[in-house]
Every structure is written in C-alpha cells, then in structure tokens.
Amino acid sequence: MNGIDSTVRDAIERLNLTYIRALDRRDMPGWLATFDTPGSYVCIAKENEDRGLPIGYMLDDCYERLQDRVTQVTKIQPDAVEHYQPRHFTQLVDIQLLGPATYRVETHFTVNYTPADTGRTGVLATGTYVDEVVVNGEARFRSRRAVLDTNVLPRYVAYPI
C-alpha cells in the first residue's frame, strides 16, 4: 500500500464499510449502491479460483445480474430460505494502482452467522475479497470477487458474502 494516497485509502475503506454495513443490515439496495456500472460480483471457492474453474456460489457478471440478485433476495426468496444474521469482519491488506483512478484491492474477511431459530453463532466463511475499485471522489466496486478459503460451507448462502 506504499505510495497510495491516504484519501484513496480512506475512500476504499469507506466503500468496504458501506458494503459490509449494508449486508449486515440485509439492505440489498444499499449493497447494490456500492457497485459501479458496469459492475460484477463473484463468490467462488479458492480451490476453483486456483484451478481456473469458473464454478462459483454466485456469479453476477454484469450490473443487470447485480440488480437481479437484489430482486431475488428482497422479493423472491424472503419466505423461501432460512434467514440468518450475518456479521462481517474485514482487514484491508493491499492496494495497487491499475490505471487512472482504478485500483486492485485485497481485503481479508470473516463472516459469522446466527440463525434466527437457534441463536447459535458460527463461522459462515473466511477468505479474501479481490476487487477492482474505481475512485472518483467516492469509491465504487467495478468488480468484487469473494474468494472463500473453503469449498464446503456450513449452510446455504442466502446473501452475498
């Protein structure tokens, strides 16, 4: 992160906080607002990522699919899945300049979850976000890849990681 201006780093940190706040509050329109247009989101196991296999838990490869994800969570599946309370914990580990106002960002994450029916908290996923972020005053994700350390999750994933 050497050589990265503190205003850029702060904008990227604010973006990440806005992202995790939206997910922890299950605010899907707020989650969508963290993405640029065009934007994309992929959630994939590290094993598949390392082997170049495109199979992921979620593959929203364009902004329209991000919009579809919001519709799915808010209108289609509200009564079709067992809901849980997510809690995200993140640590920014690297920022690299890719081009004018564009950065490659790596952030480690842990997501805990608490199902409403049991009240027992467990670890849902750990891994690294690998992002392309555009910073023009405010920062937005051009792409976010949630690369999970495991290829077997303890439960169905209803929300983006």
C-alpha atoms as a PDB file:
ATOM      1  CA  MET A   1       0.000   0.000   0.000  1.00  0.00           C
ATOM      2  CA  ASN A   2       3.069   2.182  -0.167  1.00  0.00           C
ATOM      3  CA  GLY A   3       2.634   5.129  -2.463  1.00  0.00           C
ATOM      4  CA  ILE A   4      -1.187   5.087  -2.265  1.00  0.00           C
ATOM      5  CA  ASP A   5      -2.602   8.451  -1.269  1.00  0.00           C
ATOM      6  CA  SER A   6      -4.358   8.448   2.128  1.00  0.00           C
ATOM      7  CA  THR A   7      -7.523   9.958   0.593  1.00  0.00           C
ATOM      8  CA  VAL A   8      -7.720   6.982  -1.807  1.00  0.00           C
ATOM      9  CA  ARG A   9      -7.129   4.503   1.027  1.00  0.00           C
ATOM     10  CA  ASP A  10      -9.811   6.230   3.133  1.00  0.00           C
ATOM     11  CA  ALA A  11     -12.305   6.160   0.227  1.00  0.00           C
ATOM     12  CA  ILE A  12     -11.665   2.433  -0.254  1.00  0.00           C
ATOM     13  CA  GLU A  13     -12.102   1.772   3.471  1.00  0.00           C
ATOM     14  CA  ARG A  14     -15.393   3.738   3.474  1.00  0.00           C
ATOM     15  CA  LEU A  15     -16.594   1.706   0.496  1.00  0.00           C
ATOM     16  CA  ASN A  16     -15.834  -1.556   2.261  1.00  0.00           C
ATOM     17  CA  LEU A  17     -17.573  -0.370   5.442  1.00  0.00           C
ATOM     18  CA  THR A  18     -20.639   0.687   3.442  1.00  0.00           C
ATOM     19  CA  TYR A  19     -20.677  -2.735   1.734  1.00  0.00           C
ATOM     20  CA  ILE A  20     -20.492  -4.769   4.959  1.00  0.00           C
ATOM     21  CA  ARG A  21     -22.925  -2.475   6.777  1.00  0.00           C
ATOM     22  CA  ALA A  22     -25.475  -2.996   4.011  1.00  0.00           C
ATOM     23  CA  LEU A  23     -25.090  -6.787   4.108  1.00  0.00           C
ATOM     24  CA  ASP A  24     -25.176  -6.981   7.915  1.00  0.00           C
ATOM     25  CA  ARG A  25     -28.416  -4.968   7.834  1.00  0.00           C
ATOM     26  CA  ARG A  26     -29.721  -7.029   4.889  1.00  0.00           C
ATOM     27  CA  ASP A  27     -30.036  -3.770   2.940  1.00  0.00           C
ATOM     28  CA  MET A  28     -29.758  -5.083  -0.616  1.00  0.00           C
ATOM     29  CA  PRO A  29     -30.355  -1.711  -2.349  1.00  0.00           C
ATOM     30  CA  GLY A  30     -27.523  -0.356  -0.172  1.00  0.00           C
ATOM     31  CA  TRP A  31     -25.341  -3.298  -1.243  1.00  0.00           C
ATOM     32  CA  LEU A  32     -26.103  -2.575  -4.910  1.00  0.00           C
ATOM     33  CA  ALA A  33     -25.162   1.096  -4.431  1.00  0.00           C
ATOM     34  CA  THR A  34     -21.546   0.073  -3.694  1.00  0.00           C
ATOM     35  CA  PHE A  35     -21.097  -1.115  -7.294  1.00  0.00           C
ATOM     36  CA  ASP A  36     -20.155   0.944 -10.329  1.00  0.00           C
ATOM     37  CA  THR A  37     -21.843   0.440 -13.692  1.00  0.00           C
ATOM     38  CA  PRO A  38     -20.637  -1.780 -15.181  1.00  0.00           C
ATOM     39  CA  GLY A  39     -20.116  -3.860 -12.065  1.00  0.00           C
ATOM     40  CA  SER A  40     -19.848  -7.522 -11.152  1.00  0.00           C
ATOM     41  CA  TYR A  41     -19.821  -9.808  -8.110  1.00  0.00           C
ATOM     42  CA  VAL A  42     -18.482 -13.351  -7.899  1.00  0.00           C
ATOM     43  CA  CYS A  43     -18.389 -15.628  -4.854  1.00  0.00           C
ATOM     44  CA  ILE A  44     -16.129 -18.612  -5.504  1.00  0.00           C
ATOM     45  CA  ALA A  45     -14.182 -21.264  -3.583  1.00  0.00           C
ATOM     46  CA  LYS A  46     -10.405 -20.757  -3.550  1.00  0.00           C
ATOM     47  CA  GLU A  47      -9.934 -24.260  -4.952  1.00  0.00           C
ATOM     48  CA  ASN A  48     -11.968 -23.370  -8.037  1.00  0.00           C
ATOM     49  CA  GLU A  49     -10.258 -19.985  -8.327  1.00  0.00           C
ATOM     50  CA  ASP A  50      -6.796 -21.581  -8.140  1.00  0.00           C
ATOM     51  CA  ARG A  51      -7.692 -24.204 -10.749  1.00  0.00           C
ATOM     52  CA  GLY A  52      -9.259 -21.668 -13.130  1.00  0.00           C
ATOM     53  CA  LEU A  53     -12.713 -23.238 -12.775  1.00  0.00           C
ATOM     54  CA  PRO A  54     -15.495 -20.654 -13.214  1.00  0.00           C
ATOM     55  CA  ILE A  55     -17.983 -22.522 -10.998  1.00  0.00           C
ATOM     56  CA  GLY A  56     -18.966 -20.319  -8.069  1.00  0.00           C
ATOM     57  CA  TYR A  57     -21.593 -19.925  -5.392  1.00  0.00           C
ATOM     58  CA  MET A  58     -22.753 -16.687  -7.020  1.00  0.00           C
ATOM     59  CA  LEU A  59     -21.892 -15.295 -10.441  1.00  0.00           C
ATOM     60  CA  ASP A  60     -23.294 -11.856 -11.144  1.00  0.00           C
ATOM     61  CA  ASP A  61     -21.137 -10.954 -14.130  1.00  0.00           C
ATOM     62  CA  CYS A  62     -22.869  -7.694 -15.078  1.00  0.00           C
ATOM     63  CA  TYR A  63     -24.763  -4.883 -13.378  1.00  0.00           C
ATOM     64  CA  GLU A  64     -28.131  -6.257 -14.506  1.00  0.00           C
ATOM     65  CA  ARG A  65     -27.391  -9.513 -12.658  1.00  0.00           C
ATOM     66  CA  LEU A  66     -26.498  -7.488  -9.559  1.00  0.00           C
ATOM     67  CA  GLN A  67     -29.950  -5.933  -9.849  1.00  0.00           C
ATOM     68  CA  ASP A  68     -31.443  -9.423 -10.244  1.00  0.00           C
ATOM     69  CA  ARG A  69     -29.643 -10.501  -7.028  1.00  0.00           C
ATOM     70  CA  VAL A  70     -31.369  -7.666  -5.160  1.00  0.00           C
ATOM     71  CA  THR A  71     -34.745  -8.713  -6.577  1.00  0.00           C
ATOM     72  CA  GLN A  72     -34.093 -12.365  -5.682  1.00  0.00           C
ATOM     73  CA  VAL A  73     -33.224 -11.585  -2.070  1.00  0.00           C
ATOM     74  CA  THR A  74     -35.885  -8.942  -1.449  1.00  0.00           C
ATOM     75  CA  LYS A  75     -38.859 -10.197  -3.475  1.00  0.00           C
ATOM     76  CA  ILE A  76     -38.415 -13.841  -4.485  1.00  0.00           C
ATOM     77  CA  GLN A  77     -36.788 -15.567  -1.527  1.00  0.00           C
ATOM     78  CA  PRO A  78     -37.990 -13.672   1.572  1.00  0.00           C
ATOM     79  CA  ASP A  79     -40.130 -16.624   2.648  1.00  0.00           C
ATOM     80  CA  ALA A  80     -38.232 -19.372   0.824  1.00  0.00           C
ATOM     81  CA  VAL A  81     -34.997 -19.535   2.846  1.00  0.00           C
ATOM     82  CA  GLU A  82     -33.974 -19.809   6.476  1.00  0.00           C
ATOM     83  CA  HIS A  83     -32.732 -16.319   7.247  1.00  0.00           C
ATOM     84  CA  TYR A  84     -29.676 -15.627   9.358  1.00  0.00           C
ATOM     85  CA  GLN A  85     -27.944 -12.583  10.766  1.00  0.00           C
ATOM     86  CA  PRO A  86     -24.562 -12.088   9.079  1.00  0.00           C
ATOM     87  CA  ARG A  87     -21.652 -10.212  10.692  1.00  0.00           C
ATOM     88  CA  HIS A  88     -18.683  -9.253   8.538  1.00  0.00           C
ATOM     89  CA  PHE A  89     -15.177  -8.545   9.809  1.00  0.00           C
ATOM     90  CA  THR A  90     -12.604  -7.248   7.333  1.00  0.00           C
ATOM     91  CA  GLN A  91      -8.955  -6.237   7.117  1.00  0.00           C
ATOM     92  CA  LEU A  92      -7.542  -4.279   4.186  1.00  0.00           C
ATOM     93  CA  VAL A  93      -4.248  -5.913   3.177  1.00  0.00           C
ATOM     94  CA  ASP A  94      -3.216  -4.444  -0.198  1.00  0.00           C
ATOM     95  CA  ILE A  95      -3.950  -1.661  -2.685  1.00  0.00           C
ATOM     96  CA  GLN A  96      -2.255  -1.431  -6.084  1.00  0.00           C
ATOM     97  CA  LEU A  97      -2.741   1.205  -8.754  1.00  0.00           C
ATOM     98  CA  LEU A  98      -4.021  -0.344 -12.011  1.00  0.00           C
ATOM     99  CA  GLY A  99      -4.615   2.818 -14.021  1.00  0.00           C
ATOM    100  CA  PRO A 100      -6.138   6.260 -13.714  1.00  0.00           C
ATOM    101  CA  ALA A 101      -8.438   6.208 -10.657  1.00  0.00           C
ATOM    102  CA  THR A 102      -8.555   2.371 -10.745  1.00  0.00           C
ATOM    103  CA  TYR A 103      -7.118   0.105  -8.043  1.00  0.00           C
ATOM    104  CA  ARG A 104      -6.730  -3.582  -7.281  1.00  0.00           C
ATOM    105  CA  VAL A 105      -7.648  -4.128  -3.635  1.00  0.00           C
ATOM    106  CA  GLU A 106      -7.326  -7.201  -1.406  1.00  0.00           C
ATOM    107  CA  THR A 107      -9.245  -7.431   1.856  1.00  0.00           C
ATOM    108  CA  HIS A 108      -9.395 -10.467   4.144  1.00  0.00           C
ATOM    109  CA  PHE A 109     -12.811 -11.285   5.599  1.00  0.00           C
ATOM    110  CA  THR A 110     -14.588 -13.463   8.099  1.00  0.00           C
ATOM    111  CA  VAL A 111     -18.367 -13.732   8.047  1.00  0.00           C
ATOM    112  CA  ASN A 112     -20.177 -15.100  11.090  1.00  0.00           C
ATOM    113  CA  TYR A 113     -23.850 -16.042  11.004  1.00  0.00           C
ATOM    114  CA  THR A 114     -26.567 -16.510  13.580  1.00  0.00           C
ATOM    115  CA  PRO A 115     -29.722 -18.370  12.505  1.00  0.00           C
ATOM    116  CA  ALA A 116     -32.935 -16.931  13.926  1.00  0.00           C
ATOM    117  CA  ASP A 117     -34.196 -20.334  15.061  1.00  0.00           C
ATOM    118  CA  THR A 118     -31.162 -21.416  17.130  1.00  0.00           C
ATOM    119  CA  GLY A 119     -29.388 -18.224  18.115  1.00  0.00           C
ATOM    120  CA  ARG A 120     -26.060 -20.095  17.868  1.00  0.00           C
ATOM    121  CA  THR A 121     -23.350 -18.197  16.038  1.00  0.00           C
ATOM    122  CA  GLY A 122     -20.963 -19.959  13.680  1.00  0.00           C
ATOM    123  CA  VAL A 123     -18.423 -19.081  11.031  1.00  0.00           C
ATOM    124  CA  LEU A 124     -20.042 -18.924   7.595  1.00  0.00           C
ATOM    125  CA  ALA A 125     -16.947 -18.151   5.543  1.00  0.00           C
ATOM    126  CA  THR A 126     -13.425 -16.774   5.552  1.00  0.00           C
ATOM    127  CA  GLY A 127     -11.411 -15.628   2.596  1.00  0.00           C
ATOM    128  CA  THR A 128     -10.211 -12.669   0.584  1.00  0.00           C
ATOM    129  CA  TYR A 129     -12.067 -10.079  -1.429  1.00  0.00           C
ATOM    130  CA  VAL A 130     -10.159  -9.351  -4.641  1.00  0.00           C
ATOM    131  CA  ASP A 131     -11.568  -6.140  -6.039  1.00  0.00           C
ATOM    132  CA  GLU A 132     -11.223  -3.650  -8.811  1.00  0.00           C
ATOM    133  CA  VAL A 133     -12.216  -0.300  -7.351  1.00  0.00           C
ATOM    134  CA  VAL A 134     -12.797   2.986  -9.142  1.00  0.00           C
ATOM    135  CA  VAL A 135     -12.153   6.112  -7.075  1.00  0.00           C
ATOM    136  CA  ASN A 136     -13.594   9.363  -8.432  1.00  0.00           C
ATOM    137  CA  GLY A 137     -14.252  11.220  -5.197  1.00  0.00           C
ATOM    138  CA  GLU A 138     -16.269   8.262  -3.917  1.00  0.00           C
ATOM    139  CA  ALA A 139     -15.107   4.699  -4.420  1.00  0.00           C
ATOM    140  CA  ARG A 140     -17.219   2.008  -6.153  1.00  0.00           C
ATOM    141  CA  PHE A 141     -16.584  -1.632  -6.972  1.00  0.00           C
ATOM    142  CA  ARG A 142     -16.120  -2.305 -10.659  1.00  0.00           C
ATOM    143  CA  SER A 143     -15.760  -5.937  -9.622  1.00  0.00           C
ATOM    144  CA  ARG A 144     -15.709  -7.834  -6.340  1.00  0.00           C
ATOM    145  CA  ARG A 145     -14.573 -11.445  -6.053  1.00  0.00           C
ATOM    146  CA  ALA A 146     -15.197 -13.105  -2.718  1.00  0.00           C
ATOM    147  CA  VAL A 147     -12.671 -15.964  -2.779  1.00  0.00           C
ATOM    148  CA  LEU A 148     -13.611 -18.389   0.002  1.00  0.00           C
ATOM    149  CA  ASP A 149     -10.948 -20.433   1.775  1.00  0.00           C
ATOM    150  CA  THR A 150     -13.209 -23.473   1.803  1.00  0.00           C
ATOM    151  CA  ASN A 151     -15.263 -25.216  -0.851  1.00  0.00           C
ATOM    152  CA  VAL A 152     -17.866 -26.519   1.620  1.00  0.00           C
ATOM    153  CA  LEU A 153     -19.995 -24.032   3.533  1.00  0.00           C
ATOM    154  CA  PRO A 154     -21.883 -24.953   6.711  1.00  0.00           C
ATOM    155  CA  ARG A 155     -25.207 -23.798   5.269  1.00  0.00           C
ATOM    156  CA  TYR A 156     -26.999 -22.387   2.242  1.00  0.00           C
ATOM    157  CA  VAL A 157     -25.760 -18.867   1.413  1.00  0.00           C
ATOM    158  CA  ALA A 158     -28.780 -16.602   1.002  1.00  0.00           C
ATOM    159  CA  TYR A 159     -26.950 -13.274   0.793  1.00  0.00           C
ATOM    160  CA  PRO A 160     -23.752 -12.179  -0.940  1.00  0.00           C
ATOM    161  CA  ILE A 161     -20.652 -12.654   1.211  1.00  0.00           C
END
